[in-house]
Protein backbone atom coordinates (compact mmCIF):
# COMPACT_ATOMS: atom_id res chain seq x y z
CA MET A 1 -43.36 -39.70 125.41
CA LEU A 2 -44.32 -40.83 121.17
CA THR A 3 -42.05 -38.90 118.47
CA TYR A 4 -43.15 -39.18 114.74
CA PRO A 5 -41.22 -37.83 112.22
CA LEU A 6 -41.87 -36.06 109.34
CA ASN A 7 -40.62 -34.69 106.76
CA GLY A 8 -36.94 -35.70 108.22
CA HIS A 9 -38.06 -33.80 111.61
CA THR A 10 -39.08 -35.54 115.06
CA PHE A 11 -42.01 -33.84 117.10
CA ASP A 12 -43.21 -34.47 120.17
CA TYR A 13 -46.59 -35.97 119.99
CA ASN A 14 -48.42 -33.84 122.07
CA LYS A 15 -51.54 -32.80 121.24
CA ARG A 16 -51.51 -29.45 123.05
CA VAL A 17 -48.23 -28.75 121.99
CA GLN A 18 -48.93 -29.36 118.64
CA THR A 19 -52.59 -27.96 118.34
CA LYS A 20 -50.25 -25.08 119.30
CA PHE A 21 -47.98 -24.92 116.92
CA ILE A 22 -49.60 -25.85 113.70
CA GLN A 23 -52.27 -23.22 114.68
CA GLN A 24 -49.33 -20.45 114.63
CA ILE A 25 -48.11 -22.03 111.09
CA MET A 26 -51.50 -22.66 109.07
CA GLN A 27 -55.41 -22.07 110.33
CA PHE A 28 -57.17 -25.21 110.04
CA LEU A 29 -60.77 -23.07 110.26
CA TYR A 30 -63.32 -26.61 109.60
CA VAL A 31 -61.34 -29.05 111.65
CA ASP A 32 -58.76 -29.85 114.14
CA ILE A 33 -55.57 -31.03 112.85
CA SER A 34 -54.64 -32.55 115.95
CA ASP A 35 -56.92 -35.14 114.75
CA TYR A 36 -55.05 -36.72 111.97
CA PRO A 37 -51.97 -38.95 111.80
CA VAL A 38 -48.87 -36.47 111.97
CA THR A 39 -47.83 -38.50 108.34
CA ASN A 40 -47.82 -37.02 104.69
CA GLU A 41 -51.03 -39.25 104.44
CA GLY A 42 -52.34 -37.93 107.87
CA ILE A 43 -51.79 -34.13 107.12
CA TYR A 44 -52.97 -34.47 103.24
CA GLN A 45 -56.43 -35.40 104.85
CA ALA A 46 -56.40 -33.34 106.95
CA CYS A 47 -55.86 -30.46 104.19
CA TYR A 48 -58.75 -32.25 102.08
CA ASP A 49 -61.47 -32.44 104.51
CA GLU A 50 -61.33 -28.21 105.16
CA VAL A 51 -60.67 -28.09 101.65
CA VAL A 52 -64.27 -30.00 101.97
CA ALA A 53 -65.39 -28.31 104.43
CA GLU A 54 -65.01 -25.08 103.92
CA ALA A 55 -66.46 -25.70 100.54
CA THR A 56 -69.45 -27.18 101.87
CA ASP A 57 -69.76 -24.04 105.33
CA THR A 58 -69.40 -20.86 101.80
CA GLY A 59 -72.52 -22.78 99.21
CA ASP A 60 -69.43 -23.70 96.66
CA LEU A 61 -69.44 -26.45 97.27
CA PRO A 62 -71.32 -27.81 93.75
CA MET A 63 -68.81 -25.55 91.49
CA TYR A 64 -66.43 -27.76 93.10
CA GLY A 65 -65.12 -30.99 90.53
CA GLN A 66 -63.03 -33.44 92.01
CA GLN A 67 -60.29 -32.22 90.58
CA MET A 68 -60.86 -28.70 92.06
CA LEU A 69 -61.03 -30.66 95.38
CA ASN A 70 -57.75 -32.67 95.06
CA GLN A 71 -55.72 -30.05 93.90
CA SER A 72 -56.73 -26.96 96.27
CA ALA A 73 -56.09 -29.42 99.26
CA GLN A 74 -52.35 -30.50 97.13
CA TRP A 75 -52.36 -26.09 97.24
CA LYS A 76 -53.29 -26.46 101.54
CA TYR A 77 -50.57 -28.97 101.93
CA GLU A 78 -47.47 -27.56 99.87
CA ASP A 79 -47.79 -24.89 101.35
CA PHE A 80 -48.77 -26.23 105.42
CA LEU A 81 -45.15 -28.32 104.80
CA LYS A 82 -43.05 -25.47 103.28
CA ASP A 83 -43.94 -23.12 106.34
CA ILE A 84 -43.55 -26.14 109.02
CA LYS A 85 -40.03 -25.91 107.06
CA LEU A 86 -39.11 -22.19 107.84
CA MET A 87 -40.15 -23.07 111.03
CA VAL A 88 -38.21 -25.81 111.82
CA GLY A 89 -35.18 -25.25 109.68
């Protein structure tokens, strides 16, 4: 069984369980977060890709600058980690 650390906590890497766990925490409507590594960088990349995909889908991407995309991804990332910490203690 593979395990990965995430901010001091270790999660079993089982794609089905991981996907269900993450879907309970936060909706990723455009990307499958289980396709990303369970690292801080991987989770941030998933958040960034989600922000870009949502902005593209809604037609808002032309109004976003790179700084706004990065800031939105950072907020999503921070909210995601906060929700994980609440769930695992």
